[in-house]
């Protein structure tokens, strides 16, 4: 008996397509975003990731949507080969774009002293 979950497969494919169409082109980042949106562990989703990304990329391209810069099938395969090295990292942001580090604001300067 298979552990394949058709509902999970459908949900992940939709999320992958959405983020690829929105401009996220990196397989590892899309995978992290999918895991976050499906509130699941990336390791549990591992059997679906390659199909979700490659399928979404190919379907969008077949619909005439520009997917230039998207991870190729070879890059996806290479990423899957070193899965444990990157899978534990959270997405950079919800949109998959590296957010700038928050800047600490200096305390407001207060004039003091005899004339202050």
N, C-alpha and C. Protein backbone atom coordinates (compact mmCIF):
# COMPACT_ATOMS: atom_id res chain seq x y z
N UNK A 1 0.84 -1.18 0.00
CA UNK A 1 0.00 0.00 0.00
C UNK A 1 0.89 1.24 0.00
N UNK A 2 0.49 2.23 -0.73
CA UNK A 2 1.25 3.46 -0.91
C UNK A 2 0.87 4.51 0.14
N UNK A 3 1.83 5.35 0.48
CA UNK A 3 1.56 6.46 1.38
C UNK A 3 1.23 7.74 0.61
N UNK A 4 1.02 7.61 -0.69
CA UNK A 4 0.72 8.77 -1.52
C UNK A 4 -0.60 9.40 -1.09
N UNK A 5 -0.57 10.71 -0.87
CA UNK A 5 -1.75 11.46 -0.44
C UNK A 5 -2.17 12.38 -1.58
N UNK A 6 -3.24 12.03 -2.27
CA UNK A 6 -3.65 12.80 -3.44
C UNK A 6 -4.09 14.22 -3.08
N UNK A 7 -4.68 14.41 -1.91
CA UNK A 7 -5.06 15.76 -1.49
C UNK A 7 -3.83 16.62 -1.23
N UNK A 8 -2.83 16.05 -0.58
CA UNK A 8 -1.58 16.77 -0.33
C UNK A 8 -0.90 17.10 -1.65
N UNK A 9 -0.91 16.14 -2.57
CA UNK A 9 -0.29 16.36 -3.87
C UNK A 9 -0.95 17.54 -4.58
N UNK A 10 -2.26 17.56 -4.59
CA UNK A 10 -3.00 18.64 -5.23
C UNK A 10 -2.72 19.99 -4.57
N UNK A 11 -2.72 20.02 -3.25
CA UNK A 11 -2.48 21.27 -2.52
C UNK A 11 -1.09 21.81 -2.81
N UNK A 12 -0.10 20.95 -2.76
CA UNK A 12 1.28 21.39 -3.01
C UNK A 12 1.49 21.87 -4.43
N UNK A 13 0.86 21.20 -5.38
CA UNK A 13 0.98 21.60 -6.78
C UNK A 13 0.41 23.00 -6.99
N UNK A 14 -0.71 23.28 -6.34
CA UNK A 14 -1.31 24.61 -6.45
C UNK A 14 -0.41 25.68 -5.86
N UNK A 15 0.16 25.42 -4.69
CA UNK A 15 1.03 26.39 -4.03
C UNK A 15 2.29 26.61 -4.88
N UNK A 16 2.86 25.54 -5.39
CA UNK A 16 4.06 25.66 -6.24
C UNK A 16 3.75 26.51 -7.47
N UNK A 17 2.65 26.23 -8.12
CA UNK A 17 2.27 27.00 -9.31
C UNK A 17 2.07 28.47 -8.99
N UNK A 18 1.42 28.74 -7.88
CA UNK A 18 1.18 30.13 -7.48
C UNK A 18 2.50 30.89 -7.30
N UNK A 19 3.44 30.30 -6.57
CA UNK A 19 4.68 31.01 -6.28
C UNK A 19 5.60 31.11 -7.50
N UNK A 20 5.58 30.09 -8.34
CA UNK A 20 6.35 30.20 -9.59
C UNK A 20 5.76 31.29 -10.49
N UNK A 21 4.46 31.33 -10.59
CA UNK A 21 3.82 32.35 -11.42
C UNK A 21 4.07 33.74 -10.84
N UNK A 22 4.16 33.83 -9.53
CA UNK A 22 4.40 35.12 -8.87
C UNK A 22 5.85 35.57 -8.98
N UNK A 23 6.73 34.67 -9.45
CA UNK A 23 8.11 35.09 -9.69
C UNK A 23 9.18 34.40 -8.88
N UNK A 24 8.81 33.55 -7.93
CA UNK A 24 9.84 32.82 -7.17
C UNK A 24 10.33 31.68 -8.05
N UNK A 25 11.61 31.65 -8.33
CA UNK A 25 12.15 30.70 -9.30
C UNK A 25 13.08 29.64 -8.70
N UNK A 26 13.37 29.74 -7.42
CA UNK A 26 14.33 28.84 -6.79
C UNK A 26 13.60 27.65 -6.16
N UNK A 27 13.99 26.45 -6.58
CA UNK A 27 13.34 25.23 -6.10
C UNK A 27 13.38 25.10 -4.58
N UNK A 28 14.54 25.33 -3.99
CA UNK A 28 14.65 25.17 -2.54
C UNK A 28 13.77 26.17 -1.80
N UNK A 29 13.72 27.38 -2.28
CA UNK A 29 12.90 28.40 -1.63
C UNK A 29 11.42 28.10 -1.80
N UNK A 30 11.01 27.69 -2.99
CA UNK A 30 9.61 27.33 -3.21
C UNK A 30 9.24 26.15 -2.30
N UNK A 31 10.13 25.19 -2.16
CA UNK A 31 9.87 24.04 -1.29
C UNK A 31 9.64 24.48 0.15
N UNK A 32 10.49 25.39 0.64
CA UNK A 32 10.34 25.89 2.01
C UNK A 32 9.02 26.63 2.19
N UNK A 33 8.66 27.42 1.20
CA UNK A 33 7.41 28.18 1.25
C UNK A 33 6.21 27.23 1.28
N UNK A 34 6.26 26.20 0.44
CA UNK A 34 5.17 25.22 0.41
C UNK A 34 5.01 24.58 1.79
N UNK A 35 6.11 24.16 2.38
CA UNK A 35 6.04 23.53 3.70
C UNK A 35 5.42 24.46 4.71
N UNK A 36 5.80 25.73 4.66
CA UNK A 36 5.25 26.69 5.61
C UNK A 36 3.75 26.89 5.37
N UNK A 37 3.36 27.05 4.12
CA UNK A 37 1.95 27.30 3.81
C UNK A 37 1.07 26.09 4.10
N UNK A 38 1.62 24.90 3.93
CA UNK A 38 0.85 23.69 4.22
C UNK A 38 1.01 23.25 5.67
N UNK A 39 1.74 24.05 6.44
CA UNK A 39 1.98 23.78 7.85
C UNK A 39 2.47 22.34 8.03
N UNK A 40 3.50 22.02 7.28
CA UNK A 40 4.03 20.66 7.29
C UNK A 40 5.55 20.71 7.38
N UNK A 41 6.11 19.58 7.71
CA UNK A 41 7.55 19.41 7.77
C UNK A 41 8.09 19.15 6.37
N UNK A 42 9.15 19.84 6.01
CA UNK A 42 9.72 19.68 4.68
C UNK A 42 10.14 18.23 4.42
N UNK A 43 10.62 17.55 5.45
CA UNK A 43 11.04 16.16 5.30
C UNK A 43 9.84 15.26 4.98
N UNK A 44 8.69 15.56 5.53
CA UNK A 44 7.48 14.77 5.23
C UNK A 44 7.01 15.00 3.80
N UNK A 45 7.31 16.18 3.26
CA UNK A 45 6.87 16.53 1.90
C UNK A 45 7.87 16.10 0.83
N UNK A 46 9.02 15.63 1.25
CA UNK A 46 10.10 15.31 0.31
C UNK A 46 9.66 14.50 -0.91
N UNK A 47 8.81 13.48 -0.78
CA UNK A 47 8.44 12.69 -1.96
C UNK A 47 7.67 13.49 -3.02
N UNK A 48 7.11 14.63 -2.65
CA UNK A 48 6.29 15.40 -3.59
C UNK A 48 7.04 16.57 -4.23
N UNK A 49 8.08 17.06 -3.60
CA UNK A 49 8.69 18.34 -3.96
C UNK A 49 9.12 18.43 -5.42
N UNK A 50 9.83 17.43 -5.89
CA UNK A 50 10.33 17.46 -7.27
C UNK A 50 9.18 17.54 -8.27
N UNK A 51 8.16 16.73 -8.05
CA UNK A 51 7.01 16.72 -8.96
C UNK A 51 6.27 18.05 -8.91
N UNK A 52 6.10 18.60 -7.71
CA UNK A 52 5.41 19.89 -7.59
C UNK A 52 6.12 20.97 -8.38
N UNK A 53 7.40 21.11 -8.14
CA UNK A 53 8.14 22.20 -8.78
C UNK A 53 8.27 21.99 -10.29
N UNK A 54 8.76 20.82 -10.68
CA UNK A 54 8.94 20.56 -12.11
C UNK A 54 7.61 20.61 -12.86
N UNK A 55 6.58 20.05 -12.26
CA UNK A 55 5.27 20.05 -12.89
C UNK A 55 4.71 21.46 -13.04
N UNK A 56 4.83 22.25 -11.99
CA UNK A 56 4.32 23.63 -12.05
C UNK A 56 5.10 24.45 -13.06
N UNK A 57 6.43 24.31 -13.05
CA UNK A 57 7.26 25.05 -14.01
C UNK A 57 6.89 24.69 -15.44
N UNK A 58 6.78 23.40 -15.70
CA UNK A 58 6.48 22.94 -17.05
C UNK A 58 5.07 23.34 -17.48
N UNK A 59 4.09 23.25 -16.58
CA UNK A 59 2.72 23.63 -16.92
C UNK A 59 2.63 25.12 -17.21
N UNK A 60 3.28 25.94 -16.39
CA UNK A 60 3.26 27.39 -16.64
C UNK A 60 3.88 27.71 -17.99
N UNK A 61 4.99 27.06 -18.29
CA UNK A 61 5.65 27.28 -19.58
C UNK A 61 4.73 26.86 -20.73
N UNK A 62 4.02 25.74 -20.56
CA UNK A 62 3.10 25.27 -21.60
C UNK A 62 1.92 26.23 -21.79
N UNK A 63 1.59 27.00 -20.77
CA UNK A 63 0.55 28.01 -20.88
C UNK A 63 1.09 29.34 -21.39
N UNK A 64 2.35 29.36 -21.77
CA UNK A 64 2.95 30.56 -22.35
C UNK A 64 3.47 31.55 -21.32
N UNK A 65 3.59 31.13 -20.07
CA UNK A 65 4.09 32.01 -19.01
C UNK A 65 5.60 31.88 -18.93
N UNK A 66 6.27 33.01 -18.90
CA UNK A 66 7.73 33.02 -18.85
C UNK A 66 8.22 32.50 -17.50
N UNK A 67 8.97 31.43 -17.53
CA UNK A 67 9.55 30.86 -16.31
C UNK A 67 11.08 30.88 -16.39
N UNK A 68 11.59 31.82 -17.17
CA UNK A 68 13.04 31.90 -17.29
C UNK A 68 13.66 32.16 -15.92
N UNK A 69 14.78 31.54 -15.69
CA UNK A 69 15.45 31.67 -14.42
C UNK A 69 15.00 30.67 -13.38
N UNK A 70 13.97 29.88 -13.69
CA UNK A 70 13.51 28.87 -12.74
C UNK A 70 14.52 27.73 -12.69
N UNK A 71 14.64 27.12 -11.53
CA UNK A 71 15.52 25.96 -11.38
C UNK A 71 15.17 24.93 -12.45
N UNK A 72 16.19 24.38 -13.08
CA UNK A 72 15.99 23.37 -14.12
C UNK A 72 15.79 22.00 -13.48
N UNK A 73 15.40 21.03 -14.29
CA UNK A 73 15.24 19.67 -13.77
C UNK A 73 16.56 19.16 -13.19
N UNK A 74 17.67 19.53 -13.83
CA UNK A 74 18.98 19.10 -13.33
C UNK A 74 19.30 19.76 -11.98
N UNK A 75 18.97 21.04 -11.85
CA UNK A 75 19.20 21.75 -10.59
C UNK A 75 18.30 21.20 -9.47
N UNK A 76 17.07 20.87 -9.83
CA UNK A 76 16.16 20.27 -8.85
C UNK A 76 16.70 18.93 -8.39
N UNK A 77 17.17 18.12 -9.33
CA UNK A 77 17.74 16.81 -8.98
C UNK A 77 18.96 16.97 -8.08
N UNK A 78 19.81 17.94 -8.38
CA UNK A 78 20.99 18.18 -7.55
C UNK A 78 20.59 18.62 -6.15
N UNK A 79 19.58 19.48 -6.05
CA UNK A 79 19.10 19.94 -4.74
C UNK A 79 18.52 18.77 -3.94
N UNK A 80 17.83 17.89 -4.61
CA UNK A 80 17.28 16.72 -3.92
C UNK A 80 18.40 15.80 -3.44
N UNK A 81 19.52 15.80 -4.16
CA UNK A 81 20.66 14.99 -3.77
C UNK A 81 21.33 15.45 -2.48
N UNK A 82 21.16 16.73 -2.16
CA UNK A 82 21.74 17.27 -0.92
C UNK A 82 20.63 17.84 -0.03
N UNK A 83 19.48 17.20 -0.07
CA UNK A 83 18.28 17.65 0.61
C UNK A 83 18.49 17.99 2.07
N UNK A 84 19.15 17.12 2.80
CA UNK A 84 19.30 17.34 4.25
C UNK A 84 20.15 18.56 4.57
N UNK A 85 20.92 19.05 3.61
CA UNK A 85 21.76 20.23 3.85
C UNK A 85 20.95 21.52 3.87
N UNK A 86 19.85 21.58 3.14
CA UNK A 86 19.08 22.82 3.06
C UNK A 86 17.66 22.70 3.59
N UNK A 87 17.18 21.52 3.78
CA UNK A 87 15.77 21.33 4.13
C UNK A 87 15.39 21.84 5.50
N UNK A 88 16.33 21.95 6.40
CA UNK A 88 16.00 22.42 7.74
C UNK A 88 15.92 23.91 7.88
N UNK A 89 16.20 24.65 6.81
CA UNK A 89 16.21 26.11 6.87
C UNK A 89 14.84 26.66 6.52
N UNK A 90 14.37 27.67 7.26
CA UNK A 90 13.06 28.27 6.96
C UNK A 90 13.16 29.16 5.73
N UNK A 91 12.02 29.51 5.12
CA UNK A 91 12.06 30.43 3.99
C UNK A 91 12.57 31.79 4.44
N UNK A 92 13.17 32.50 3.51
CA UNK A 92 13.69 33.84 3.83
C UNK A 92 12.55 34.74 4.29
N UNK A 93 11.44 34.72 3.59
CA UNK A 93 10.22 35.44 3.97
C UNK A 93 9.05 34.64 3.44
N UNK A 94 7.85 35.11 3.70
CA UNK A 94 6.68 34.44 3.16
C UNK A 94 6.67 34.46 1.64
N UNK A 95 7.28 35.48 1.06
CA UNK A 95 7.30 35.61 -0.39
C UNK A 95 8.55 34.98 -1.00
N UNK A 96 9.47 34.51 -0.16
CA UNK A 96 10.67 33.88 -0.68
C UNK A 96 11.72 34.87 -1.13
N UNK A 97 11.60 36.10 -0.73
CA UNK A 97 12.58 37.12 -1.09
C UNK A 97 13.30 37.50 0.18
N UNK A 98 14.61 37.52 0.11
CA UNK A 98 15.40 37.81 1.31
C UNK A 98 15.04 39.18 1.85
N UNK A 99 14.62 39.19 3.09
CA UNK A 99 14.25 40.44 3.74
C UNK A 99 15.49 41.11 4.31
N UNK A 100 15.57 42.44 4.24
CA UNK A 100 16.70 43.11 4.84
C UNK A 100 16.66 42.96 6.35
N UNK A 101 17.84 42.94 6.94
CA UNK A 101 17.91 42.83 8.40
C UNK A 101 17.31 44.08 9.01
N UNK A 102 16.52 43.93 10.07
CA UNK A 102 15.94 45.11 10.70
C UNK A 102 17.04 46.00 11.28
N UNK A 103 16.86 47.28 11.12
CA UNK A 103 17.83 48.24 11.63
C UNK A 103 17.38 48.73 12.99
N UNK A 104 18.32 48.77 13.91
CA UNK A 104 17.99 49.32 15.22
C UNK A 104 17.95 50.83 15.10
N UNK A 105 16.93 51.41 15.68
CA UNK A 105 16.81 52.86 15.67
C UNK A 105 17.53 53.42 16.90
N UNK A 106 18.33 54.44 16.71
CA UNK A 106 19.00 55.02 17.87
C UNK A 106 18.00 55.70 18.79
N UNK A 107 18.35 55.74 20.05
CA UNK A 107 17.51 56.43 21.02
C UNK A 107 17.48 57.91 20.65
N UNK A 108 16.32 58.54 20.82
CA UNK A 108 16.26 59.97 20.51
C UNK A 108 17.25 60.74 21.38
N UNK A 109 17.88 61.68 20.74
CA UNK A 109 18.87 62.50 21.45
C UNK A 109 18.15 63.54 22.28
N UNK A 110 18.52 63.60 23.53
CA UNK A 110 17.92 64.60 24.40
C UNK A 110 19.01 65.58 24.82
N UNK A 111 18.70 66.84 24.65
CA UNK A 111 19.64 67.86 25.08
C UNK A 111 19.59 67.95 26.59
N UNK A 112 20.71 68.08 27.18
CA UNK A 112 20.74 68.17 28.63
C UNK A 112 21.73 69.25 29.06
N UNK A 113 22.08 69.21 30.26
CA UNK A 113 23.04 70.16 30.78
C UNK A 113 22.39 71.44 31.25
N UNK A 114 23.18 72.43 31.53
CA UNK A 114 22.74 73.67 32.11
C UNK A 114 21.83 74.45 31.16
N UNK A 115 22.06 74.36 29.84
CA UNK A 115 21.27 75.15 28.91
C UNK A 115 20.21 74.30 28.19
N UNK A 116 20.13 73.00 28.52
CA UNK A 116 19.36 72.08 27.77
C UNK A 116 17.98 71.98 27.99
